[in-house]
Every structure is written in structure tokens, then in C-alpha cells.
Amino acid sequence: MAVRLSVRDLKPGMIVAEPIAGKNGQGDLPAGTTLTVQHITAMTGRTDSAVVAEDPEGTGSSSTAERRGLAIEHVEKRMRWKPCTPFEEEIYQVAVEQAERLLMEEKEK
């Protein structure tokens, strides 16, 4: 299974499920690429989102990317603003990480 995530929600180690094309229409990153911090930094401003594959570690029926997507949905339903500053972006990321932890705890019960 694959999940589309915002570039700001990508994490190193996630695997690209569909080629990511740059502004010139050519594939910058092919499917199967394991994302690094450098990849994610380079994508910022060039694309809005990317499709990533499920967790290669196989940590259960729901993948890390799928869980991250659910956490993002959870946070965005409750937020009434979009992060505009680095400080707000950090608050957003903390909220998403907390939602991920809660989803993992629910799954373990």
C-alpha cells in the first residue's frame, strides 16, 4: 500500500512508491528510492507531496507511512490554521508525532 504525504511530513528512511518529478517534468527520484534528509530538503519548494510505500520493516498491518497519514489527518481536522513560521511548523510536527504515538498505543491494545 502507498500513501501520499506532504513534503513536510516525509521522513528519512521512507521509500518512494511513485517517481517524483521536478518542475521540468523529468523524474528527479525514481520509485524505490529510500529518502534521505538531502532528498527531502531538495524537494522542498519543488513539489508539494510524494507517494511513499508502506514500511519496509513490516511493523504490522498498518505501515509507518499509513500511520503518519492518519496522524496528519487527525491533526489537520483539529487545527484551524496552517503553519507559517518555523516555530508553528515545529508545533505542527510535535502534534503529528503525538497523534502517531496515540495511534500506536491504540493498535497495541
PDB file of N, CA and C in Angstrom:
ATOM      1  N   MET A   1       0.841  -1.173   0.000  1.00  0.00           N
ATOM      2  CA  MET A   1       0.000   0.000   0.000  1.00  0.00           C
ATOM      3  C   MET A   1       0.887   1.237   0.000  1.00  0.00           C
ATOM      4  N   ALA A   2       0.425   2.277  -0.647  1.00  0.00           N
ATOM      5  CA  ALA A   2       1.167   3.528  -0.717  1.00  0.00           C
ATOM      6  C   ALA A   2       0.295   4.665  -0.190  1.00  0.00           C
ATOM      7  N   VAL A   3       0.948   5.693   0.317  1.00  0.00           N
ATOM      8  CA  VAL A   3       0.257   6.827   0.907  1.00  0.00           C
ATOM      9  C   VAL A   3       0.884   8.108   0.378  1.00  0.00           C
ATOM     10  N   ARG A   4       0.045   9.086   0.018  1.00  0.00           N
ATOM     11  CA  ARG A   4       0.551  10.394  -0.405  1.00  0.00           C
ATOM     12  C   ARG A   4       0.702  11.271   0.831  1.00  0.00           C
ATOM     13  N   LEU A   5       1.906  11.819   1.010  1.00  0.00           N
ATOM     14  CA  LEU A   5       2.196  12.691   2.136  1.00  0.00           C
ATOM     15  C   LEU A   5       2.740  14.026   1.643  1.00  0.00           C
ATOM     16  N   SER A   6       2.473  15.066   2.403  1.00  0.00           N
ATOM     17  CA  SER A   6       3.055  16.371   2.153  1.00  0.00           C
ATOM     18  C   SER A   6       4.567  16.252   2.323  1.00  0.00           C
ATOM     19  N   VAL A   7       5.326  17.063   1.593  1.00  0.00           N
ATOM     20  CA  VAL A   7       6.780  17.028   1.717  1.00  0.00           C
ATOM     21  C   VAL A   7       7.193  17.280   3.156  1.00  0.00           C
ATOM     22  N   ARG A   8       6.484  18.161   3.857  1.00  0.00           N
ATOM     23  CA  ARG A   8       6.863  18.466   5.240  1.00  0.00           C
ATOM     24  C   ARG A   8       6.669  17.277   6.179  1.00  0.00           C
ATOM     25  N   ASP A   9       5.900  16.267   5.748  1.00  0.00           N
ATOM     26  CA  ASP A   9       5.644  15.099   6.582  1.00  0.00           C
ATOM     27  C   ASP A   9       6.505  13.894   6.213  1.00  0.00           C
ATOM     28  N   LEU A  10       7.354  14.050   5.217  1.00  0.00           N
ATOM     29  CA  LEU A  10       8.252  12.962   4.837  1.00  0.00           C
ATOM     30  C   LEU A  10       9.369  12.826   5.865  1.00  0.00           C
ATOM     31  N   LYS A  11       9.815  11.612   6.055  1.00  0.00           N
ATOM     32  CA  LYS A  11      10.891  11.323   7.000  1.00  0.00           C
ATOM     33  C   LYS A  11      11.967  10.509   6.294  1.00  0.00           C
ATOM     34  N   PRO A  12      13.220  10.708   6.690  1.00  0.00           N
ATOM     35  CA  PRO A  12      14.284   9.863   6.136  1.00  0.00           C
ATOM     36  C   PRO A  12      13.975   8.388   6.384  1.00  0.00           C
ATOM     37  N   GLY A  13      14.259   7.574   5.388  1.00  0.00           N
ATOM     38  CA  GLY A  13      14.013   6.141   5.503  1.00  0.00           C
ATOM     39  C   GLY A  13      12.742   5.697   4.795  1.00  0.00           C
ATOM     40  N   MET A  14      11.827   6.638   4.521  1.00  0.00           N
ATOM     41  CA  MET A  14      10.624   6.278   3.766  1.00  0.00           C
ATOM     42  C   MET A  14      11.038   5.945   2.332  1.00  0.00           C
ATOM     43  N   ILE A  15      10.256   5.082   1.686  1.00  0.00           N
ATOM     44  CA  ILE A  15      10.589   4.637   0.335  1.00  0.00           C
ATOM     45  C   ILE A  15       9.590   5.224  -0.653  1.00  0.00           C
ATOM     46  N   VAL A  16      10.115   5.844  -1.704  1.00  0.00           N
ATOM     47  CA  VAL A  16       9.297   6.468  -2.739  1.00  0.00           C
ATOM     48  C   VAL A  16       8.559   5.372  -3.510  1.00  0.00           C
ATOM     49  N   ALA A  17       7.229   5.485  -3.602  1.00  0.00           N
ATOM     50  CA  ALA A  17       6.424   4.482  -4.302  1.00  0.00           C
ATOM     51  C   ALA A  17       6.161   4.864  -5.757  1.00  0.00           C
ATOM     52  N   GLU A  18       6.156   6.154  -6.051  1.00  0.00           N
ATOM     53  CA  GLU A  18       5.960   6.650  -7.418  1.00  0.00           C
ATOM     54  C   GLU A  18       7.058   7.654  -7.706  1.00  0.00           C
ATOM     55  N   PRO A  19       7.558   7.696  -8.946  1.00  0.00           N
ATOM     56  CA  PRO A  19       8.615   8.660  -9.258  1.00  0.00           C
ATOM     57  C   PRO A  19       8.175  10.081  -8.891  1.00  0.00           C
ATOM     58  N   ILE A  20       9.114  10.857  -8.401  1.00  0.00           N
ATOM     59  CA  ILE A  20       8.836  12.240  -8.041  1.00  0.00           C
ATOM     60  C   ILE A  20       9.451  13.120  -9.115  1.00  0.00           C
ATOM     61  N   ALA A  21       8.591  13.815  -9.837  1.00  0.00           N
ATOM     62  CA  ALA A  21       9.043  14.665 -10.927  1.00  0.00           C
ATOM     63  C   ALA A  21       9.267  16.087 -10.438  1.00  0.00           C
ATOM     64  N   GLY A  22      10.300  16.707 -10.955  1.00  0.00           N
ATOM     65  CA  GLY A  22      10.585  18.104 -10.640  1.00  0.00           C
ATOM     66  C   GLY A  22       9.765  19.012 -11.532  1.00  0.00           C
ATOM     67  N   LYS A  23      10.042  20.281 -11.457  1.00  0.00           N
ATOM     68  CA  LYS A  23       9.298  21.267 -12.239  1.00  0.00           C
ATOM     69  C   LYS A  23       9.473  21.076 -13.736  1.00  0.00           C
ATOM     70  N   ASN A  24      10.584  20.513 -14.164  1.00  0.00           N
ATOM     71  CA  ASN A  24      10.825  20.330 -15.597  1.00  0.00           C
ATOM     72  C   ASN A  24      10.155  19.073 -16.144  1.00  0.00           C
ATOM     73  N   GLY A  25       9.450  18.325 -15.293  1.00  0.00           N
ATOM     74  CA  GLY A  25       8.714  17.155 -15.753  1.00  0.00           C
ATOM     75  C   GLY A  25       9.523  15.875 -15.799  1.00  0.00           C
ATOM     76  N   GLN A  26      10.794  15.948 -15.527  1.00  0.00           N
ATOM     77  CA  GLN A  26      11.623  14.748 -15.525  1.00  0.00           C
ATOM     78  C   GLN A  26      11.650  14.162 -14.129  1.00  0.00           C
ATOM     79  N   GLY A  27      11.785  12.835 -14.038  1.00  0.00           N
ATOM     80  CA  GLY A  27      11.816  12.172 -12.742  1.00  0.00           C
ATOM     81  C   GLY A  27      13.072  12.517 -11.958  1.00  0.00           C
ATOM     82  N   ASP A  28      12.911  13.190 -10.870  1.00  0.00           N
ATOM     83  CA  ASP A  28      14.057  13.515 -10.023  1.00  0.00           C
ATOM     84  C   ASP A  28      14.451  12.329  -9.159  1.00  0.00           C
ATOM     85  N   LEU A  29      13.441  11.636  -8.616  1.00  0.00           N
ATOM     86  CA  LEU A  29      13.693  10.462  -7.782  1.00  0.00           C
ATOM     87  C   LEU A  29      12.852   9.303  -8.308  1.00  0.00           C
ATOM     88  N   PRO A  30      13.469   8.199  -8.649  1.00  0.00           N
ATOM     89  CA  PRO A  30      12.700   7.057  -9.128  1.00  0.00           C
ATOM     90  C   PRO A  30      12.006   6.314  -7.991  1.00  0.00           C
ATOM     91  N   ALA A  31      10.979   5.566  -8.320  1.00  0.00           N
ATOM     92  CA  ALA A  31      10.321   4.703  -7.337  1.00  0.00           C
ATOM     93  C   ALA A  31      11.363   3.757  -6.763  1.00  0.00           C
ATOM     94  N   GLY A  32      11.241   3.489  -5.460  1.00  0.00           N
ATOM     95  CA  GLY A  32      12.176   2.595  -4.795  1.00  0.00           C
ATOM     96  C   GLY A  32      13.302   3.322  -4.077  1.00  0.00           C
ATOM     97  N   THR A  33      13.404   4.637  -4.289  1.00  0.00           N
ATOM     98  CA  THR A  33      14.444   5.421  -3.619  1.00  0.00           C
ATOM     99  C   THR A  33      14.134   5.527  -2.128  1.00  0.00           C
ATOM    100  N   THR A  34      15.116   5.286  -1.290  1.00  0.00           N
ATOM    101  CA  THR A  34      14.973   5.492   0.146  1.00  0.00           C
ATOM    102  C   THR A  34      15.326   6.939   0.432  1.00  0.00           C
ATOM    103  N   LEU A  35      14.362   7.670   0.990  1.00  0.00           N
ATOM    104  CA  LEU A  35      14.552   9.098   1.209  1.00  0.00           C
ATOM    105  C   LEU A  35      15.612   9.389   2.275  1.00  0.00           C
ATOM    106  N   THR A  36      16.384  10.415   2.009  1.00  0.00           N
ATOM    107  CA  THR A  36      17.354  10.927   2.966  1.00  0.00           C
ATOM    108  C   THR A  36      16.966  12.366   3.298  1.00  0.00           C
ATOM    109  N   VAL A  37      17.614  12.946   4.281  1.00  0.00           N
ATOM    110  CA  VAL A  37      17.374  14.345   4.624  1.00  0.00           C
ATOM    111  C   VAL A  37      17.657  15.220   3.402  1.00  0.00           C
ATOM    112  N   GLN A  38      18.700  14.899   2.655  1.00  0.00           N
ATOM    113  CA  GLN A  38      19.067  15.676   1.478  1.00  0.00           C
ATOM    114  C   GLN A  38      17.976  15.624   0.410  1.00  0.00           C
ATOM    115  N   HIS A  39      17.391  14.436   0.185  1.00  0.00           N
ATOM    116  CA  HIS A  39      16.292  14.319  -0.780  1.00  0.00           C
ATOM    117  C   HIS A  39      15.131  15.218  -0.377  1.00  0.00           C
ATOM    118  N   ILE A  40      14.749  15.129   0.888  1.00  0.00           N
ATOM    119  CA  ILE A  40      13.586  15.884   1.377  1.00  0.00           C
ATOM    120  C   ILE A  40      13.850  17.381   1.286  1.00  0.00           C
ATOM    121  N   THR A  41      15.044  17.806   1.643  1.00  0.00           N
ATOM    122  CA  THR A  41      15.401  19.221   1.552  1.00  0.00           C
ATOM    123  C   THR A  41      15.345  19.692   0.104  1.00  0.00           C
ATOM    124  N   ALA A  42      15.853  18.885  -0.814  1.00  0.00           N
ATOM    125  CA  ALA A  42      15.853  19.249  -2.230  1.00  0.00           C
ATOM    126  C   ALA A  42      14.431  19.322  -2.798  1.00  0.00           C
ATOM    127  N   MET A  43      13.519  18.513  -2.269  1.00  0.00           N
ATOM    128  CA  MET A  43      12.141  18.504  -2.767  1.00  0.00           C
ATOM    129  C   MET A  43      11.348  19.712  -2.294  1.00  0.00           C
ATOM    130  N   THR A  44      11.742  20.302  -1.172  1.00  0.00           N
ATOM    131  CA  THR A  44      11.019  21.434  -0.618  1.00  0.00           C
ATOM    132  C   THR A  44      11.010  22.575  -1.624  1.00  0.00           C
ATOM    133  N   GLY A  45       9.821  23.055  -1.932  1.00  0.00           N
ATOM    134  CA  GLY A  45       9.673  24.136  -2.892  1.00  0.00           C
ATOM    135  C   GLY A  45       9.556  23.673  -4.332  1.00  0.00           C
ATOM    136  N   ARG A  46       9.892  22.408  -4.601  1.00  0.00           N
ATOM    137  CA  ARG A  46       9.802  21.890  -5.972  1.00  0.00           C
ATOM    138  C   ARG A  46       8.581  21.025  -6.193  1.00  0.00           C
ATOM    139  N   THR A  47       8.044  20.458  -5.114  1.00  0.00           N
ATOM    140  CA  THR A  47       6.843  19.643  -5.200  1.00  0.00           C
ATOM    141  C   THR A  47       6.109  19.746  -3.873  1.00  0.00           C
ATOM    142  N   ASP A  48       4.808  19.492  -3.879  1.00  0.00           N
ATOM    143  CA  ASP A  48       4.012  19.610  -2.658  1.00  0.00           C
ATOM    144  C   ASP A  48       3.911  18.309  -1.879  1.00  0.00           C
ATOM    145  N   SER A  49       3.958  17.178  -2.600  1.00  0.00           N
ATOM    146  CA  SER A  49       3.741  15.906  -1.930  1.00  0.00           C
ATOM    147  C   SER A  49       4.481  14.790  -2.660  1.00  0.00           C
ATOM    148  N   ALA A  50       4.494  13.630  -2.019  1.00  0.00           N
ATOM    149  CA  ALA A  50       5.125  12.450  -2.603  1.00  0.00           C
ATOM    150  C   ALA A  50       4.363  11.218  -2.138  1.00  0.00           C
ATOM    151  N   VAL A  51       4.396  10.176  -2.954  1.00  0.00           N
ATOM    152  CA  VAL A  51       3.762   8.916  -2.599  1.00  0.00           C
ATOM    153  C   VAL A  51       4.848   7.989  -2.093  1.00  0.00           C
ATOM    154  N   VAL A  52       4.659   7.502  -0.859  1.00  0.00           N
ATOM    155  CA  VAL A  52       5.644   6.611  -0.259  1.00  0.00           C
ATOM    156  C   VAL A  52       5.026   5.242  -0.012  1.00  0.00           C
ATOM    157  N   ALA A  53       5.871   4.239  -0.048  1.00  0.00           N
ATOM    158  CA  ALA A  53       5.427   2.853   0.150  1.00  0.00           C
ATOM    159  C   ALA A  53       5.283   2.558   1.626  1.00  0.00           C
ATOM    160  N   GLU A  54       4.643   1.439   1.901  1.00  0.00           N
ATOM    161  CA  GLU A  54       4.494   1.030   3.292  1.00  0.00           C
ATOM    162  C   GLU A  54       5.852   0.718   3.898  1.00  0.00           C
ATOM    163  N   ASP A  55       5.880   0.659   5.186  1.00  0.00           N
ATOM    164  CA  ASP A  55       7.091   0.455   5.979  1.00  0.00           C
ATOM    165  C   ASP A  55       7.827  -0.811   5.546  1.00  0.00           C
ATOM    166  N   PRO A  56       9.091  -0.680   5.110  1.00  0.00           N
ATOM    167  CA  PRO A  56       9.834  -1.858   4.688  1.00  0.00           C
ATOM    168  C   PRO A  56      10.146  -2.800   5.846  1.00  0.00           C
ATOM    169  N   GLU A  57      10.052  -2.315   7.064  1.00  0.00           N
ATOM    170  CA  GLU A  57      10.313  -3.142   8.236  1.00  0.00           C
ATOM    171  C   GLU A  57       9.145  -4.085   8.527  1.00  0.00           C
ATOM    172  N   GLY A  58       7.976  -3.779   7.947  1.00  0.00           N
ATOM    173  CA  GLY A  58       6.807  -4.608   8.181  1.00  0.00           C
ATOM    174  C   GLY A  58       6.381  -4.590   9.634  1.00  0.00           C
ATOM    175  N   THR A  59       6.184  -3.404  10.193  1.00  0.00           N
ATOM    176  CA  THR A  59       5.874  -3.276  11.615  1.00  0.00           C
ATOM    177  C   THR A  59       4.413  -3.543  11.922  1.00  0.00           C
ATOM    178  N   GLY A  60       3.741  -4.282  11.090  1.00  0.00           N
ATOM    179  CA  GLY A  60       2.355  -4.609  11.372  1.00  0.00           C
ATOM    180  C   GLY A  60       1.493  -4.340  10.165  1.00  0.00           C
ATOM    181  N   SER A  61       0.182  -4.479  10.358  1.00  0.00           N
ATOM    182  CA  SER A  61      -0.718  -4.318   9.233  1.00  0.00           C
ATOM    183  C   SER A  61      -0.788  -2.884   8.757  1.00  0.00           C
ATOM    184  N   SER A  62      -0.571  -1.912   9.650  1.00  0.00           N
ATOM    185  CA  SER A  62      -0.551  -0.551   9.148  1.00  0.00           C
ATOM    186  C   SER A  62       0.880  -0.065   9.137  1.00  0.00           C
ATOM    187  N   SER A  63       1.275   0.453   8.015  1.00  0.00           N
ATOM    188  CA  SER A  63       2.653   0.865   7.825  1.00  0.00           C
ATOM    189  C   SER A  63       2.945   2.177   8.527  1.00  0.00           C
ATOM    190  N   THR A  64       4.202   2.485   8.621  1.00  0.00           N
ATOM    191  CA  THR A  64       4.621   3.749   9.200  1.00  0.00           C
ATOM    192  C   THR A  64       4.047   4.907   8.407  1.00  0.00           C
ATOM    193  N   ALA A  65       4.110   4.827   7.085  1.00  0.00           N
ATOM    194  CA  ALA A  65       3.581   5.905   6.239  1.00  0.00           C
ATOM    195  C   ALA A  65       2.066   6.031   6.398  1.00  0.00           C
ATOM    196  N   GLU A  66       1.379   4.898   6.464  1.00  0.00           N
ATOM    197  CA  GLU A  66      -0.078   4.934   6.633  1.00  0.00           C
ATOM    198  C   GLU A  66      -0.439   5.537   7.987  1.00  0.00           C
ATOM    199  N   ARG A  67       0.274   5.126   9.021  1.00  0.00           N
ATOM    200  CA  ARG A  67       0.027   5.668  10.362  1.00  0.00           C
ATOM    201  C   ARG A  67       0.301   7.169  10.384  1.00  0.00           C
ATOM    202  N   ARG A  68       1.374   7.579   9.709  1.00  0.00           N
ATOM    203  CA  ARG A  68       1.705   9.005   9.624  1.00  0.00           C
ATOM    204  C   ARG A  68       0.587   9.763   8.913  1.00  0.00           C
ATOM    205  N   GLY A  69       0.074   9.190   7.844  1.00  0.00           N
ATOM    206  CA  GLY A  69      -1.033   9.825   7.119  1.00  0.00           C
ATOM    207  C   GLY A  69      -2.264   9.980   7.987  1.00  0.00           C
ATOM    208  N   LEU A  70      -2.591   8.949   8.761  1.00  0.00           N
ATOM    209  CA  LEU A  70      -3.741   9.020   9.674  1.00  0.00           C
ATOM    210  C   LEU A  70      -3.518  10.072  10.753  1.00  0.00           C
ATOM    211  N   ALA A  71      -2.295  10.161  11.249  1.00  0.00           N
ATOM    212  CA  ALA A  71      -1.976  11.165  12.276  1.00  0.00           C
ATOM    213  C   ALA A  71      -2.116  12.569  11.707  1.00  0.00           C
ATOM    214  N   ILE A  72      -1.666  12.762  10.484  1.00  0.00           N
ATOM    215  CA  ILE A  72      -1.781  14.072   9.837  1.00  0.00           C
ATOM    216  C   ILE A  72      -3.243  14.443   9.666  1.00  0.00           C
ATOM    217  N   GLU A  73      -4.055  13.497   9.203  1.00  0.00           N
ATOM    218  CA  GLU A  73      -5.499  13.750   9.067  1.00  0.00           C
ATOM    219  C   GLU A  73      -6.101  14.148  10.407  1.00  0.00           C
ATOM    220  N   HIS A  74      -5.738  13.439  11.459  1.00  0.00           N
ATOM    221  CA  HIS A  74      -6.242  13.704  12.809  1.00  0.00           C
ATOM    222  C   HIS A  74      -5.908  15.133  13.237  1.00  0.00           C
ATOM    223  N   VAL A  75      -4.656  15.538  13.041  1.00  0.00           N
ATOM    224  CA  VAL A  75      -4.220  16.877  13.452  1.00  0.00           C
ATOM    225  C   VAL A  75      -4.888  17.950  12.593  1.00  0.00           C
ATOM    226  N   GLU A  76      -4.927  17.735  11.281  1.00  0.00           N
ATOM    227  CA  GLU A  76      -5.474  18.767  10.397  1.00  0.00           C
ATOM    228  C   GLU A  76      -6.973  18.975  10.599  1.00  0.00           C
ATOM    229  N   LYS A  77      -7.693  17.948  11.053  1.00  0.00           N
ATOM    230  CA  LYS A  77      -9.110  18.109  11.357  1.00  0.00           C
ATOM    231  C   LYS A  77      -9.312  19.036  12.548  1.00  0.00           C
ATOM    232  N   ARG A  78      -8.338  19.087  13.428  1.00  0.00           N
ATOM    233  CA  ARG A  78      -8.469  19.857  14.670  1.00  0.00           C
ATOM    234  C   ARG A  78      -7.810  21.230  14.620  1.00  0.00           C
ATOM    235  N   MET A  79      -6.899  21.415  13.693  1.00  0.00           N
ATOM    236  CA  MET A  79      -6.211  22.698  13.585  1.00  0.00           C
ATOM    237  C   MET A  79      -7.045  23.660  12.750  1.00  0.00           C
ATOM    238  N   ARG A  80      -7.056  24.901  13.130  1.00  0.00           N
ATOM    239  CA  ARG A  80      -7.794  25.912  12.377  1.00  0.00           C
ATOM    240  C   ARG A  80      -6.837  26.887  11.687  1.00  0.00           C
ATOM    241  N   TRP A  81      -5.563  26.507  11.586  1.00  0.00           N
ATOM    242  CA  TRP A  81      -4.560  27.350  10.954  1.00  0.00           C
ATOM    243  C   TRP A  81      -3.508  26.482  10.292  1.00  0.00           C
ATOM    244  N   LYS A  82      -2.803  27.073   9.365  1.00  0.00           N
ATOM    245  CA  LYS A  82      -1.691  26.389   8.693  1.00  0.00           C
ATOM    246  C   LYS A  82      -0.389  26.975   9.231  1.00  0.00           C
ATOM    247  N   PRO A  83       0.597  26.151   9.495  1.00  0.00           N
ATOM    248  CA  PRO A  83       1.880  26.659   9.987  1.00  0.00           C
ATOM    249  C   PRO A  83       2.502  27.620   8.970  1.00  0.00           C
ATOM    250  N   CYS A  84       2.919  28.775   9.451  1.00  0.00           N
ATOM    251  CA  CYS A  84       3.520  29.794   8.578  1.00  0.00           C
ATOM    252  C   CYS A  84       4.956  30.133   8.967  1.00  0.00           C
ATOM    253  N   THR A  85       5.326  29.834  10.180  1.00  0.00           N
ATOM    254  CA  THR A  85       6.679  30.150  10.654  1.00  0.00           C
ATOM    255  C   THR A  85       7.368  28.856  11.079  1.00  0.00           C
ATOM    256  N   PRO A  86       8.672  28.884  11.213  1.00  0.00           N
ATOM    257  CA  PRO A  86       9.373  27.668  11.683  1.00  0.00           C
ATOM    258  C   PRO A  86       8.868  27.207  13.050  1.00  0.00           C
ATOM    259  N   PHE A  87       8.548  28.133  13.928  1.00  0.00           N
ATOM    260  CA  PHE A  87       8.035  27.768  15.249  1.00  0.00           C
ATOM    261  C   PHE A  87       6.681  27.060  15.121  1.00  0.00           C
ATOM    262  N   GLU A  88       5.784  27.589  14.296  1.00  0.00           N
ATOM    263  CA  GLU A  88       4.480  26.953  14.081  1.00  0.00           C
ATOM    264  C   GLU A  88       4.642  25.590  13.425  1.00  0.00           C
ATOM    265  N   GLU A  89       5.596  25.474  12.502  1.00  0.00           N
ATOM    266  CA  GLU A  89       5.862  24.186  11.850  1.00  0.00           C
ATOM    267  C   GLU A  89       6.313  23.159  12.879  1.00  0.00           C
ATOM    268  N   GLU A  90       7.119  23.592  13.841  1.00  0.00           N
ATOM    269  CA  GLU A  90       7.578  22.693  14.897  1.00  0.00           C
ATOM    270  C   GLU A  90       6.404  22.234  15.761  1.00  0.00           C
ATOM    271  N   ILE A  91       5.501  23.157  16.083  1.00  0.00           N
ATOM    272  CA  ILE A  91       4.299  22.795  16.853  1.00  0.00           C
ATOM    273  C   ILE A  91       3.485  21.760  16.089  1.00  0.00           C
ATOM    274  N   TYR A  92       3.323  21.991  14.795  1.00  0.00           N
ATOM    275  CA  TYR A  92       2.567  21.062  13.944  1.00  0.00           C
ATOM    276  C   TYR A  92       3.217  19.678  13.975  1.00  0.00           C
ATOM    277  N   GLN A  93       4.541  19.616  13.808  1.00  0.00           N
ATOM    278  CA  GLN A  93       5.247  18.332  13.793  1.00  0.00           C
ATOM    279  C   GLN A  93       5.109  17.612  15.128  1.00  0.00           C
ATOM    280  N   VAL A  94       5.174  18.344  16.236  1.00  0.00           N
ATOM    281  CA  VAL A  94       5.001  17.731  17.561  1.00  0.00           C
ATOM    282  C   VAL A  94       3.595  17.139  17.673  1.00  0.00           C
ATOM    283  N   ALA A  95       2.598  17.879  17.184  1.00  0.00           N
ATOM    284  CA  ALA A  95       1.216  17.386  17.234  1.00  0.00           C
ATOM    285  C   ALA A  95       1.066  16.103  16.417  1.00  0.00           C
ATOM    286  N   VAL A  96       1.661  16.061  15.241  1.00  0.00           N
ATOM    287  CA  VAL A  96       1.583  14.862  14.389  1.00  0.00           C
ATOM    288  C   VAL A  96       2.288  13.690  15.074  1.00  0.00           C
ATOM    289  N   GLU A  97       3.459  13.940  15.645  1.00  0.00           N
ATOM    290  CA  GLU A  97       4.184  12.857  16.331  1.00  0.00           C
ATOM    291  C   GLU A  97       3.391  12.323  17.525  1.00  0.00           C
ATOM    292  N   GLN A  98       2.736  13.213  18.263  1.00  0.00           N
ATOM    293  CA  GLN A  98       1.910  12.779  19.390  1.00  0.00           C
ATOM    294  C   GLN A  98       0.727  11.945  18.887  1.00  0.00           C
ATOM    295  N   ALA A  99       0.104  12.371  17.808  1.00  0.00           N
ATOM    296  CA  ALA A  99      -1.011  11.607  17.239  1.00  0.00           C
ATOM    297  C   ALA A  99      -0.537  10.233  16.781  1.00  0.00           C
ATOM    298  N   GLU A 100       0.673  10.156  16.206  1.00  0.00           N
ATOM    299  CA  GLU A 100       1.238   8.855  15.805  1.00  0.00           C
ATOM    300  C   GLU A 100       1.420   7.947  17.012  1.00  0.00           C
ATOM    301  N   ARG A 101       1.950   8.504  18.100  1.00  0.00           N
ATOM    302  CA  ARG A 101       2.142   7.702  19.322  1.00  0.00           C
ATOM    303  C   ARG A 101       0.807   7.169  19.829  1.00  0.00           C
ATOM    304  N   LEU A 102      -0.218   8.016  19.812  1.00  0.00           N
ATOM    305  CA  LEU A 102      -1.543   7.576  20.273  1.00  0.00           C
ATOM    306  C   LEU A 102      -2.087   6.463  19.386  1.00  0.00           C
ATOM    307  N   LEU A 103      -1.892   6.588  18.072  1.00  0.00           N
ATOM    308  CA  LEU A 103      -2.352   5.534  17.163  1.00  0.00           C
ATOM    309  C   LEU A 103      -1.608   4.222  17.425  1.00  0.00           C
ATOM    310  N   MET A 104      -0.329   4.292  17.716  1.00  0.00           N
ATOM    311  CA  MET A 104       0.444   3.076  18.014  1.00  0.00           C
ATOM    312  C   MET A 104      -0.039   2.438  19.310  1.00  0.00           C
ATOM    313  N   GLU A 105      -0.323   3.261  20.314  1.00  0.00           N
ATOM    314  CA  GLU A 105      -0.817   2.730  21.593  1.00  0.00           C
ATOM    315  C   GLU A 105      -2.163   2.047  21.425  1.00  0.00           C
ATOM    316  N   GLU A 106      -3.050   2.660  20.613  1.00  0.00           N
ATOM    317  CA  GLU A 106      -4.360   2.051  20.360  1.00  0.00           C
ATOM    318  C   GLU A 106      -4.204   0.717  19.664  1.00  0.00           C
ATOM    319  N   LYS A 107      -3.274   0.640  18.715  1.00  0.00           N
ATOM    320  CA  LYS A 107      -3.050  -0.601  17.956  1.00  0.00           C
ATOM    321  C   LYS A 107      -2.538  -1.710  18.863  1.00  0.00           C
ATOM    322  N   GLU A 108      -1.712  -1.361  19.849  1.00  0.00           N
ATOM    323  CA  GLU A 108      -1.133  -2.357  20.746  1.00  0.00           C
ATOM    324  C   GLU A 108      -2.128  -2.909  21.744  1.00  0.00           C
ATOM    325  N   LYS A 109      -3.232  -2.208  21.981  1.00  0.00           N
ATOM    326  CA  LYS A 109      -4.223  -2.655  22.963  1.00  0.00           C
ATOM    327  C   LYS A 109      -5.030  -3.819  22.467  1.00  0.00           C
TER     328      LYS A 109
END
